[in-house]
Amino acid sequence: MRVLVACEYSGIVRDAFRAIGHDAWSCDLLPTERPGPHIQGDVLEVIGDGWDLMIAHPPCTHLAVSGARWFKDKQKEQQAALDFVALLMDAPIPRLAIENPISVISSRIRKPDQIIQPWQFGHGETKATCLWLKDLPKLVPTNIVDGREARIHKMPPSKDRWKERSRTYEGIAKAMAEQWGKPCN
């Protein structure tokens, strides 16, 4: 299966799919952090290249409700972010998932199909993550663990805080690959 992981510089989701035999590529404006198939550029330029599945992580800077206090000053940026999400949702790809934290996508485009937490997939942390799905089943928790640390929320300010906050947890990436991309023979 050809898998496009949009707006992913980390390679975490891409590598989970590659580990079970898929032709998975990440795509981001940033270079990848892990060696592997990566398209550095605008995902909209490759979105129609015959992918079977896309998992997209659009930037949440102007979407996440955690930044609601700045919304009034960033209406144009927020509309541009919502327009980008709508383009991803309308991609000519048979199966897709859009991943984002609790955000205005829910009120401005549509409600998510599912909200997951890292602690449902082996990480003792909280970080509500919404999934908007097209022709994909909801993720089934794989490893419910104790601990409800809000580590991501408590991160101190730094120049790379946004990058650290946007990484997909390995357990969630593995569940996506195993449940949405049955192993290739």
N, C-alpha and C. Protein backbone atom coordinates (compact mmCIF):
# COMPACT_ATOMS: atom_id res chain seq x y z
N MET A 1 0.85 -1.17 0.00
CA MET A 1 0.00 0.00 0.00
C MET A 1 0.90 1.24 0.00
N ARG A 2 0.51 2.25 -0.78
CA ARG A 2 1.22 3.53 -0.81
C ARG A 2 0.61 4.45 0.22
N VAL A 3 1.42 4.87 1.19
CA VAL A 3 0.95 5.67 2.31
C VAL A 3 1.68 7.02 2.31
N LEU A 4 0.92 8.09 2.38
CA LEU A 4 1.47 9.44 2.50
C LEU A 4 1.18 9.94 3.91
N VAL A 5 2.22 10.34 4.61
CA VAL A 5 2.06 10.93 5.94
C VAL A 5 2.35 12.42 5.78
N ALA A 6 1.29 13.19 5.68
CA ALA A 6 1.39 14.62 5.39
C ALA A 6 1.71 15.42 6.63
N CYS A 7 2.54 16.42 6.44
CA CYS A 7 2.92 17.35 7.51
C CYS A 7 3.61 16.61 8.64
N GLU A 8 4.51 15.72 8.28
CA GLU A 8 5.29 14.96 9.27
C GLU A 8 6.78 15.09 8.95
N TYR A 9 7.51 15.75 9.83
CA TYR A 9 8.96 15.87 9.70
C TYR A 9 9.67 14.80 10.52
N SER A 10 8.98 14.23 11.52
CA SER A 10 9.64 13.30 12.46
C SER A 10 9.88 11.92 11.88
N GLY A 11 9.03 11.48 10.97
CA GLY A 11 9.16 10.15 10.39
C GLY A 11 8.57 9.04 11.26
N ILE A 12 7.95 9.38 12.36
CA ILE A 12 7.45 8.38 13.31
C ILE A 12 6.33 7.53 12.70
N VAL A 13 5.32 8.18 12.12
CA VAL A 13 4.20 7.43 11.53
C VAL A 13 4.67 6.73 10.26
N ARG A 14 5.44 7.43 9.45
CA ARG A 14 5.99 6.82 8.22
C ARG A 14 6.72 5.52 8.54
N ASP A 15 7.59 5.57 9.54
CA ASP A 15 8.39 4.39 9.88
C ASP A 15 7.56 3.26 10.45
N ALA A 16 6.45 3.57 11.14
CA ALA A 16 5.57 2.52 11.65
C ALA A 16 4.95 1.74 10.48
N PHE A 17 4.56 2.44 9.43
CA PHE A 17 4.00 1.77 8.25
C PHE A 17 5.09 1.02 7.48
N ARG A 18 6.26 1.59 7.38
CA ARG A 18 7.35 0.92 6.67
C ARG A 18 7.76 -0.36 7.40
N ALA A 19 7.67 -0.36 8.72
CA ALA A 19 8.06 -1.52 9.52
C ALA A 19 7.22 -2.75 9.21
N ILE A 20 6.00 -2.54 8.69
CA ILE A 20 5.17 -3.70 8.34
C ILE A 20 5.03 -3.85 6.82
N GLY A 21 5.94 -3.23 6.09
CA GLY A 21 6.05 -3.52 4.67
C GLY A 21 5.39 -2.57 3.68
N HIS A 22 4.91 -1.43 4.13
CA HIS A 22 4.25 -0.50 3.23
C HIS A 22 5.23 0.48 2.60
N ASP A 23 4.87 0.99 1.43
CA ASP A 23 5.62 2.04 0.74
C ASP A 23 5.14 3.37 1.31
N ALA A 24 5.68 3.74 2.46
CA ALA A 24 5.22 4.92 3.17
C ALA A 24 6.24 6.06 3.03
N TRP A 25 5.70 7.25 2.82
CA TRP A 25 6.50 8.46 2.65
C TRP A 25 5.97 9.53 3.57
N SER A 26 6.88 10.28 4.18
CA SER A 26 6.48 11.48 4.90
C SER A 26 6.66 12.67 3.96
N CYS A 27 5.93 13.75 4.25
CA CYS A 27 6.03 14.97 3.45
C CYS A 27 5.85 16.14 4.39
N ASP A 28 6.79 17.08 4.31
CA ASP A 28 6.72 18.27 5.15
C ASP A 28 7.56 19.36 4.52
N LEU A 29 7.31 20.59 4.91
CA LEU A 29 8.15 21.69 4.46
C LEU A 29 9.54 21.58 5.08
N LEU A 30 9.63 20.93 6.24
CA LEU A 30 10.91 20.73 6.93
C LEU A 30 11.57 19.43 6.47
N PRO A 31 12.88 19.33 6.60
CA PRO A 31 13.53 18.05 6.32
C PRO A 31 13.13 17.02 7.38
N THR A 32 13.26 15.75 7.04
CA THR A 32 12.93 14.70 8.00
C THR A 32 14.01 14.58 9.06
N GLU A 33 13.61 14.17 10.25
CA GLU A 33 14.57 13.95 11.34
C GLU A 33 15.18 12.55 11.29
N ARG A 34 14.48 11.62 10.66
CA ARG A 34 14.94 10.24 10.57
C ARG A 34 15.19 9.92 9.11
N PRO A 35 16.28 9.21 8.81
CA PRO A 35 16.49 8.81 7.42
C PRO A 35 15.32 7.96 6.94
N GLY A 36 14.91 8.18 5.72
CA GLY A 36 13.81 7.42 5.13
C GLY A 36 13.16 8.23 4.05
N PRO A 37 12.23 7.62 3.31
CA PRO A 37 11.57 8.30 2.21
C PRO A 37 10.82 9.54 2.70
N HIS A 38 11.22 10.68 2.19
CA HIS A 38 10.64 11.94 2.64
C HIS A 38 10.60 12.91 1.47
N ILE A 39 9.48 13.58 1.33
CA ILE A 39 9.32 14.62 0.33
C ILE A 39 9.35 15.94 1.07
N GLN A 40 10.39 16.73 0.84
CA GLN A 40 10.44 18.04 1.47
C GLN A 40 9.80 19.04 0.52
N GLY A 41 8.61 19.48 0.91
CA GLY A 41 7.88 20.41 0.08
C GLY A 41 6.42 20.46 0.48
N ASP A 42 5.63 21.09 -0.37
CA ASP A 42 4.21 21.29 -0.13
C ASP A 42 3.44 20.01 -0.45
N VAL A 43 2.74 19.48 0.52
CA VAL A 43 1.99 18.24 0.33
C VAL A 43 0.93 18.37 -0.77
N LEU A 44 0.42 19.57 -0.97
CA LEU A 44 -0.62 19.75 -1.99
C LEU A 44 -0.08 19.48 -3.40
N GLU A 45 1.23 19.54 -3.56
CA GLU A 45 1.82 19.26 -4.87
C GLU A 45 1.93 17.77 -5.16
N VAL A 46 1.82 16.92 -4.13
CA VAL A 46 1.95 15.46 -4.33
C VAL A 46 0.71 14.69 -3.92
N ILE A 47 -0.30 15.40 -3.48
CA ILE A 47 -1.49 14.76 -2.92
C ILE A 47 -2.24 13.91 -3.94
N GLY A 48 -2.10 14.20 -5.22
CA GLY A 48 -2.81 13.46 -6.26
C GLY A 48 -1.96 12.41 -6.95
N ASP A 49 -0.89 11.97 -6.31
CA ASP A 49 0.06 11.05 -6.95
C ASP A 49 -0.23 9.57 -6.69
N GLY A 50 -1.49 9.20 -6.53
CA GLY A 50 -1.86 7.79 -6.44
C GLY A 50 -1.64 7.12 -5.10
N TRP A 51 -1.87 7.82 -4.02
CA TRP A 51 -1.74 7.25 -2.69
C TRP A 51 -2.98 6.44 -2.34
N ASP A 52 -2.80 5.40 -1.53
CA ASP A 52 -3.92 4.58 -1.05
C ASP A 52 -4.46 5.07 0.29
N LEU A 53 -3.59 5.68 1.06
CA LEU A 53 -3.92 6.13 2.41
C LEU A 53 -3.11 7.37 2.71
N MET A 54 -3.75 8.34 3.35
CA MET A 54 -3.03 9.51 3.84
C MET A 54 -3.39 9.73 5.30
N ILE A 55 -2.36 9.96 6.09
CA ILE A 55 -2.53 10.40 7.47
C ILE A 55 -1.91 11.78 7.52
N ALA A 56 -2.70 12.79 7.83
CA ALA A 56 -2.24 14.17 7.79
C ALA A 56 -2.25 14.79 9.19
N HIS A 57 -1.20 15.52 9.45
CA HIS A 57 -1.03 16.22 10.73
C HIS A 57 -0.90 17.72 10.45
N PRO A 58 -1.97 18.39 10.01
CA PRO A 58 -1.83 19.81 9.67
C PRO A 58 -1.39 20.62 10.88
N PRO A 59 -0.57 21.65 10.65
CA PRO A 59 -0.12 22.49 11.76
C PRO A 59 -1.29 23.02 12.56
N CYS A 60 -1.17 22.95 13.88
CA CYS A 60 -2.29 23.33 14.74
C CYS A 60 -2.16 24.73 15.31
N THR A 61 -1.11 25.45 14.95
CA THR A 61 -0.83 26.77 15.52
C THR A 61 -2.04 27.68 15.54
N HIS A 62 -2.79 27.75 14.46
CA HIS A 62 -3.93 28.66 14.37
C HIS A 62 -5.27 27.94 14.53
N LEU A 63 -5.21 26.66 14.92
CA LEU A 63 -6.42 25.85 15.03
C LEU A 63 -6.73 25.40 16.46
N ALA A 64 -5.71 25.02 17.21
CA ALA A 64 -5.91 24.41 18.53
C ALA A 64 -6.56 25.39 19.51
N VAL A 65 -7.53 24.89 20.26
CA VAL A 65 -8.22 25.76 21.22
C VAL A 65 -7.30 26.19 22.36
N SER A 66 -6.17 25.54 22.52
CA SER A 66 -5.21 25.99 23.53
C SER A 66 -4.70 27.39 23.22
N GLY A 67 -4.81 27.82 21.97
CA GLY A 67 -4.40 29.18 21.59
C GLY A 67 -5.56 30.11 21.35
N ALA A 68 -6.73 29.80 21.91
CA ALA A 68 -7.95 30.57 21.64
C ALA A 68 -7.82 32.04 22.01
N ARG A 69 -7.01 32.36 22.99
CA ARG A 69 -6.91 33.76 23.39
C ARG A 69 -6.32 34.64 22.29
N TRP A 70 -5.67 34.04 21.29
CA TRP A 70 -5.07 34.81 20.19
C TRP A 70 -5.94 34.77 18.92
N PHE A 71 -7.02 34.02 18.92
CA PHE A 71 -7.83 33.86 17.71
C PHE A 71 -8.30 35.19 17.13
N LYS A 72 -8.71 36.12 17.97
CA LYS A 72 -9.26 37.38 17.47
C LYS A 72 -8.23 38.17 16.66
N ASP A 73 -6.95 37.97 16.95
CA ASP A 73 -5.89 38.68 16.24
C ASP A 73 -5.34 37.92 15.04
N LYS A 74 -5.82 36.69 14.84
CA LYS A 74 -5.27 35.85 13.77
C LYS A 74 -6.37 35.23 12.91
N GLN A 75 -7.39 36.00 12.61
CA GLN A 75 -8.52 35.47 11.85
C GLN A 75 -8.13 35.03 10.44
N LYS A 76 -7.28 35.80 9.77
CA LYS A 76 -6.85 35.42 8.42
C LYS A 76 -6.00 34.15 8.45
N GLU A 77 -5.09 34.07 9.42
CA GLU A 77 -4.25 32.88 9.54
C GLU A 77 -5.09 31.65 9.87
N GLN A 78 -6.08 31.83 10.73
CA GLN A 78 -6.94 30.71 11.09
C GLN A 78 -7.76 30.25 9.88
N GLN A 79 -8.29 31.18 9.10
CA GLN A 79 -9.05 30.79 7.92
C GLN A 79 -8.16 30.06 6.92
N ALA A 80 -6.92 30.52 6.74
CA ALA A 80 -5.99 29.84 5.84
C ALA A 80 -5.71 28.42 6.34
N ALA A 81 -5.56 28.25 7.65
CA ALA A 81 -5.32 26.92 8.23
C ALA A 81 -6.54 26.02 8.01
N LEU A 82 -7.74 26.56 8.19
CA LEU A 82 -8.96 25.77 7.95
C LEU A 82 -9.12 25.41 6.48
N ASP A 83 -8.76 26.33 5.60
CA ASP A 83 -8.81 26.03 4.16
C ASP A 83 -7.85 24.90 3.81
N PHE A 84 -6.67 24.89 4.43
CA PHE A 84 -5.70 23.83 4.19
C PHE A 84 -6.25 22.48 4.67
N VAL A 85 -6.86 22.47 5.85
CA VAL A 85 -7.46 21.24 6.38
C VAL A 85 -8.55 20.74 5.43
N ALA A 86 -9.38 21.64 4.92
CA ALA A 86 -10.45 21.25 3.99
C ALA A 86 -9.86 20.63 2.72
N LEU A 87 -8.76 21.19 2.22
CA LEU A 87 -8.11 20.61 1.04
C LEU A 87 -7.59 19.20 1.33
N LEU A 88 -7.03 19.01 2.53
CA LEU A 88 -6.55 17.67 2.92
C LEU A 88 -7.73 16.70 3.02
N MET A 89 -8.82 17.14 3.62
CA MET A 89 -9.99 16.27 3.77
C MET A 89 -10.59 15.88 2.42
N ASP A 90 -10.45 16.76 1.44
CA ASP A 90 -11.01 16.51 0.11
C ASP A 90 -10.00 15.87 -0.84
N ALA A 91 -8.87 15.43 -0.34
CA ALA A 91 -7.82 14.83 -1.18
C ALA A 91 -8.36 13.63 -1.95
N PRO A 92 -7.88 13.42 -3.17
CA PRO A 92 -8.32 12.28 -3.98
C PRO A 92 -7.62 10.98 -3.55
N ILE A 93 -7.79 10.65 -2.29
CA ILE A 93 -7.15 9.47 -1.69
C ILE A 93 -8.27 8.67 -1.04
N PRO A 94 -8.35 7.35 -1.32
CA PRO A 94 -9.49 6.56 -0.84
C PRO A 94 -9.69 6.54 0.67
N ARG A 95 -8.60 6.46 1.42
CA ARG A 95 -8.72 6.39 2.88
C ARG A 95 -7.84 7.47 3.48
N LEU A 96 -8.37 8.17 4.48
CA LEU A 96 -7.53 9.19 5.10
C LEU A 96 -7.93 9.46 6.53
N ALA A 97 -6.94 10.00 7.25
CA ALA A 97 -7.14 10.44 8.63
C ALA A 97 -6.48 11.80 8.78
N ILE A 98 -7.18 12.71 9.41
CA ILE A 98 -6.63 14.01 9.77
C ILE A 98 -6.49 13.98 11.28
N GLU A 99 -5.32 14.33 11.77
CA GLU A 99 -5.02 14.29 13.21
C GLU A 99 -4.73 15.70 13.68
N ASN A 100 -5.33 16.11 14.79
CA ASN A 100 -5.10 17.43 15.36
C ASN A 100 -5.59 17.42 16.80
N PRO A 101 -5.06 18.32 17.63
CA PRO A 101 -5.61 18.42 18.98
C PRO A 101 -7.03 18.98 18.95
N ILE A 102 -7.63 19.15 20.10
CA ILE A 102 -8.95 19.77 20.18
C ILE A 102 -8.82 21.15 19.51
N SER A 103 -9.66 21.38 18.50
CA SER A 103 -9.46 22.59 17.69
C SER A 103 -10.76 23.10 17.10
N VAL A 104 -10.64 24.21 16.39
CA VAL A 104 -11.80 24.80 15.73
C VAL A 104 -12.23 24.01 14.50
N ILE A 105 -11.47 23.02 14.11
CA ILE A 105 -11.91 22.14 13.02
C ILE A 105 -13.27 21.56 13.39
N SER A 106 -13.44 21.24 14.67
CA SER A 106 -14.68 20.62 15.16
C SER A 106 -15.90 21.51 14.98
N SER A 107 -15.73 22.80 15.14
CA SER A 107 -16.87 23.71 15.03
C SER A 107 -16.98 24.36 13.66
N ARG A 108 -15.87 24.45 12.93
CA ARG A 108 -15.89 25.16 11.65
C ARG A 108 -15.98 24.23 10.43
N ILE A 109 -15.56 22.97 10.59
CA ILE A 109 -15.65 22.03 9.47
C ILE A 109 -16.58 20.88 9.85
N ARG A 110 -16.18 20.07 10.81
CA ARG A 110 -17.05 19.01 11.33
C ARG A 110 -16.45 18.42 12.59
N LYS A 111 -17.27 17.74 13.35
CA LYS A 111 -16.83 17.08 14.58
C LYS A 111 -15.88 15.93 14.22
N PRO A 112 -14.94 15.61 15.10
CA PRO A 112 -14.05 14.48 14.83
C PRO A 112 -14.81 13.16 14.97
N ASP A 113 -14.28 12.15 14.31
CA ASP A 113 -14.87 10.82 14.42
C ASP A 113 -14.43 10.12 15.71
N GLN A 114 -13.29 10.56 16.26
CA GLN A 114 -12.75 9.90 17.44
C GLN A 114 -11.79 10.85 18.15
N ILE A 115 -11.73 10.72 19.48
CA ILE A 115 -10.72 11.42 20.28
C ILE A 115 -9.96 10.35 21.04
N ILE A 116 -8.64 10.34 20.88
CA ILE A 116 -7.79 9.35 21.55
C ILE A 116 -6.84 10.05 22.51
N GLN A 117 -6.24 9.25 23.38
CA GLN A 117 -5.26 9.73 24.36
C GLN A 117 -4.02 8.84 24.29
N PRO A 118 -2.83 9.39 24.53
CA PRO A 118 -1.61 8.58 24.53
C PRO A 118 -1.67 7.41 25.51
N TRP A 119 -2.33 7.59 26.68
CA TRP A 119 -2.37 6.52 27.68
C TRP A 119 -3.14 5.30 27.21
N GLN A 120 -3.89 5.42 26.11
CA GLN A 120 -4.59 4.28 25.54
C GLN A 120 -3.67 3.42 24.66
N PHE A 121 -2.45 3.95 24.40
CA PHE A 121 -1.52 3.30 23.47
C PHE A 121 -0.12 3.16 24.08
N GLY A 122 -0.07 3.03 25.41
CA GLY A 122 1.20 2.72 26.07
C GLY A 122 2.01 3.88 26.61
N HIS A 123 1.47 5.10 26.56
CA HIS A 123 2.20 6.27 27.06
C HIS A 123 1.41 6.89 28.20
N GLY A 124 1.95 6.97 29.37
CA GLY A 124 1.23 7.46 30.54
C GLY A 124 1.08 8.97 30.57
N GLU A 125 0.52 9.49 29.52
CA GLU A 125 0.35 10.94 29.40
C GLU A 125 -1.04 11.27 28.85
N THR A 126 -1.43 12.52 29.04
CA THR A 126 -2.66 13.01 28.45
C THR A 126 -2.32 13.97 27.33
N LYS A 127 -3.03 13.88 26.25
CA LYS A 127 -2.97 14.82 25.13
C LYS A 127 -4.11 14.43 24.20
N ALA A 128 -5.28 15.01 24.44
CA ALA A 128 -6.45 14.68 23.63
C ALA A 128 -6.13 14.95 22.17
N THR A 129 -6.33 13.93 21.35
CA THR A 129 -6.01 14.01 19.93
C THR A 129 -7.24 13.59 19.14
N CYS A 130 -7.69 14.49 18.26
CA CYS A 130 -8.88 14.22 17.45
C CYS A 130 -8.47 13.57 16.13
N LEU A 131 -9.33 12.68 15.66
CA LEU A 131 -9.14 12.03 14.37
C LEU A 131 -10.40 12.23 13.53
N TRP A 132 -10.22 12.78 12.34
CA TRP A 132 -11.28 12.88 11.35
C TRP A 132 -10.96 11.80 10.32
N LEU A 133 -11.86 10.87 10.12
CA LEU A 133 -11.59 9.67 9.33
C LEU A 133 -12.45 9.59 8.07
N LYS A 134 -11.86 9.03 7.02
CA LYS A 134 -12.59 8.73 5.79
C LYS A 134 -12.25 7.28 5.43
N ASP A 135 -13.25 6.43 5.46
CA ASP A 135 -13.12 5.01 5.12
C ASP A 135 -12.05 4.29 5.94
N LEU A 136 -11.94 4.68 7.21
CA LEU A 136 -11.04 4.02 8.16
C LEU A 136 -11.82 3.74 9.44
N PRO A 137 -11.51 2.62 10.11
CA PRO A 137 -12.16 2.36 11.40
C PRO A 137 -11.54 3.22 12.50
N LYS A 138 -12.29 3.39 13.57
CA LYS A 138 -11.73 4.06 14.74
C LYS A 138 -10.59 3.21 15.28
N LEU A 139 -9.58 3.87 15.85
CA LEU A 139 -8.48 3.13 16.46
C LEU A 139 -8.95 2.47 17.75
N VAL A 140 -8.53 1.23 17.92
CA VAL A 140 -8.84 0.49 19.13
C VAL A 140 -7.63 0.62 20.06
N PRO A 141 -7.83 1.02 21.33
CA PRO A 141 -6.69 1.10 22.24
C PRO A 141 -5.92 -0.21 22.29
N THR A 142 -4.60 -0.10 22.37
CA THR A 142 -3.73 -1.27 22.33
C THR A 142 -3.03 -1.57 23.64
N ASN A 143 -2.87 -0.57 24.49
CA ASN A 143 -2.10 -0.77 25.72
C ASN A 143 -2.45 0.34 26.70
N ILE A 144 -3.56 0.17 27.42
CA ILE A 144 -3.98 1.18 28.39
C ILE A 144 -3.06 1.11 29.60
N VAL A 145 -2.46 2.25 29.92
CA VAL A 145 -1.49 2.30 31.02
C VAL A 145 -1.91 3.33 32.06
N ASP A 146 -1.36 3.17 33.26
CA ASP A 146 -1.59 4.14 34.33
C ASP A 146 -0.75 5.38 34.05
N GLY A 147 -1.05 6.41 34.80
CA GLY A 147 -0.31 7.65 34.66
C GLY A 147 -1.06 8.59 33.75
N ARG A 148 -1.33 9.74 34.23
CA ARG A 148 -2.06 10.70 33.42
C ARG A 148 -1.32 12.04 33.48
N GLU A 149 -0.05 12.01 33.13
CA GLU A 149 0.82 13.19 33.16
C GLU A 149 0.50 14.09 31.97
N ALA A 150 0.35 15.37 32.21
CA ALA A 150 0.12 16.34 31.14
C ALA A 150 1.47 16.94 30.72
N ARG A 151 2.41 16.08 30.39
CA ARG A 151 3.78 16.50 30.07
C ARG A 151 3.82 17.52 28.93
N ILE A 152 3.09 17.26 27.87
CA ILE A 152 3.11 18.15 26.71
C ILE A 152 2.61 19.54 27.09
N HIS A 153 1.55 19.59 27.86
CA HIS A 153 0.97 20.87 28.28
C HIS A 153 1.92 21.65 29.18
N LYS A 154 2.71 20.93 29.98
CA LYS A 154 3.59 21.57 30.96
C LYS A 154 4.98 21.92 30.41
N MET A 155 5.24 21.65 29.15
CA MET A 155 6.57 21.94 28.60
C MET A 155 6.91 23.42 28.76
N PRO A 156 8.13 23.71 29.20
CA PRO A 156 8.52 25.11 29.33
C PRO A 156 8.75 25.73 27.94
N PRO A 157 8.67 27.04 27.86
CA PRO A 157 8.92 27.70 26.58
C PRO A 157 10.33 27.39 26.06
N SER A 158 10.43 27.21 24.77
CA SER A 158 11.72 27.02 24.11
C SER A 158 11.52 27.22 22.62
N LYS A 159 12.62 27.35 21.88
CA LYS A 159 12.50 27.58 20.43
C LYS A 159 11.94 26.35 19.71
N ASP A 160 12.13 25.14 20.28
CA ASP A 160 11.65 23.91 19.65
C ASP A 160 10.42 23.32 20.33
N ARG A 161 9.80 24.07 21.22
CA ARG A 161 8.63 23.55 21.95
C ARG A 161 7.55 23.07 20.98
N TRP A 162 7.29 23.83 19.94
CA TRP A 162 6.25 23.47 18.97
C TRP A 162 6.55 22.13 18.32
N LYS A 163 7.84 21.87 18.04
CA LYS A 163 8.22 20.60 17.40
C LYS A 163 7.99 19.44 18.36
N GLU A 164 8.39 19.63 19.60
CA GLU A 164 8.24 18.56 20.59
C GLU A 164 6.76 18.27 20.86
N ARG A 165 5.95 19.31 20.87
CA ARG A 165 4.52 19.13 21.13
C ARG A 165 3.80 18.45 19.97
N SER A 166 4.36 18.55 18.76
CA SER A 166 3.66 18.02 17.59
C SER A 166 4.01 16.58 17.25
N ARG A 167 4.98 16.01 17.92
CA ARG A 167 5.37 14.62 17.61
C ARG A 167 4.26 13.62 17.94
N THR A 168 4.10 12.66 17.04
CA THR A 168 3.15 11.58 17.29
C THR A 168 3.80 10.56 18.21
N TYR A 169 3.06 10.07 19.17
CA TYR A 169 3.57 9.04 20.07
C TYR A 169 3.77 7.75 19.30
N GLU A 170 4.86 7.06 19.61
CA GLU A 170 5.20 5.80 18.92
C GLU A 170 4.07 4.78 19.01
N GLY A 171 3.43 4.67 20.17
CA GLY A 171 2.35 3.71 20.35
C GLY A 171 1.14 4.01 19.47
N ILE A 172 0.84 5.30 19.29
CA ILE A 172 -0.26 5.68 18.41
C ILE A 172 0.11 5.39 16.96
N ALA A 173 1.34 5.71 16.58
CA ALA A 173 1.80 5.43 15.21
C ALA A 173 1.74 3.94 14.90
N LYS A 174 2.16 3.13 15.85
CA LYS A 174 2.13 1.67 15.65
C LYS A 174 0.69 1.17 15.51
N ALA A 175 -0.22 1.71 16.32
CA ALA A 175 -1.63 1.32 16.22
C ALA A 175 -2.21 1.72 14.87
N MET A 176 -1.86 2.91 14.39
CA MET A 176 -2.33 3.34 13.07
C MET A 176 -1.86 2.36 12.00
N ALA A 177 -0.58 2.02 12.04
CA ALA A 177 -0.03 1.12 11.03
C ALA A 177 -0.68 -0.26 11.11
N GLU A 178 -0.78 -0.82 12.31
CA GLU A 178 -1.31 -2.17 12.46
C GLU A 178 -2.80 -2.25 12.17
N GLN A 179 -3.54 -1.19 12.49
CA GLN A 179 -4.99 -1.26 12.31
C GLN A 179 -5.47 -0.69 10.98
N TRP A 180 -4.73 0.25 10.42
CA TRP A 180 -5.14 0.86 9.15
C TRP A 180 -4.35 0.35 7.95
N GLY A 181 -3.29 -0.36 8.20
CA GLY A 181 -2.47 -0.87 7.10
C GLY A 181 -2.11 -2.31 7.36
N LYS A 182 -3.05 -3.18 7.16
CA LYS A 182 -2.80 -4.60 7.41
C LYS A 182 -1.45 -4.99 6.81
N PRO A 183 -0.66 -5.81 7.51
CA PRO A 183 0.68 -6.18 7.03
C PRO A 183 0.68 -6.71 5.60
N CYS A 184 1.68 -6.26 4.85
CA CYS A 184 1.86 -6.73 3.46
C CYS A 184 2.62 -8.03 3.48
N ASN A 185 2.32 -8.90 2.53
CA ASN A 185 3.04 -10.18 2.41
C ASN A 185 4.11 -10.07 1.35
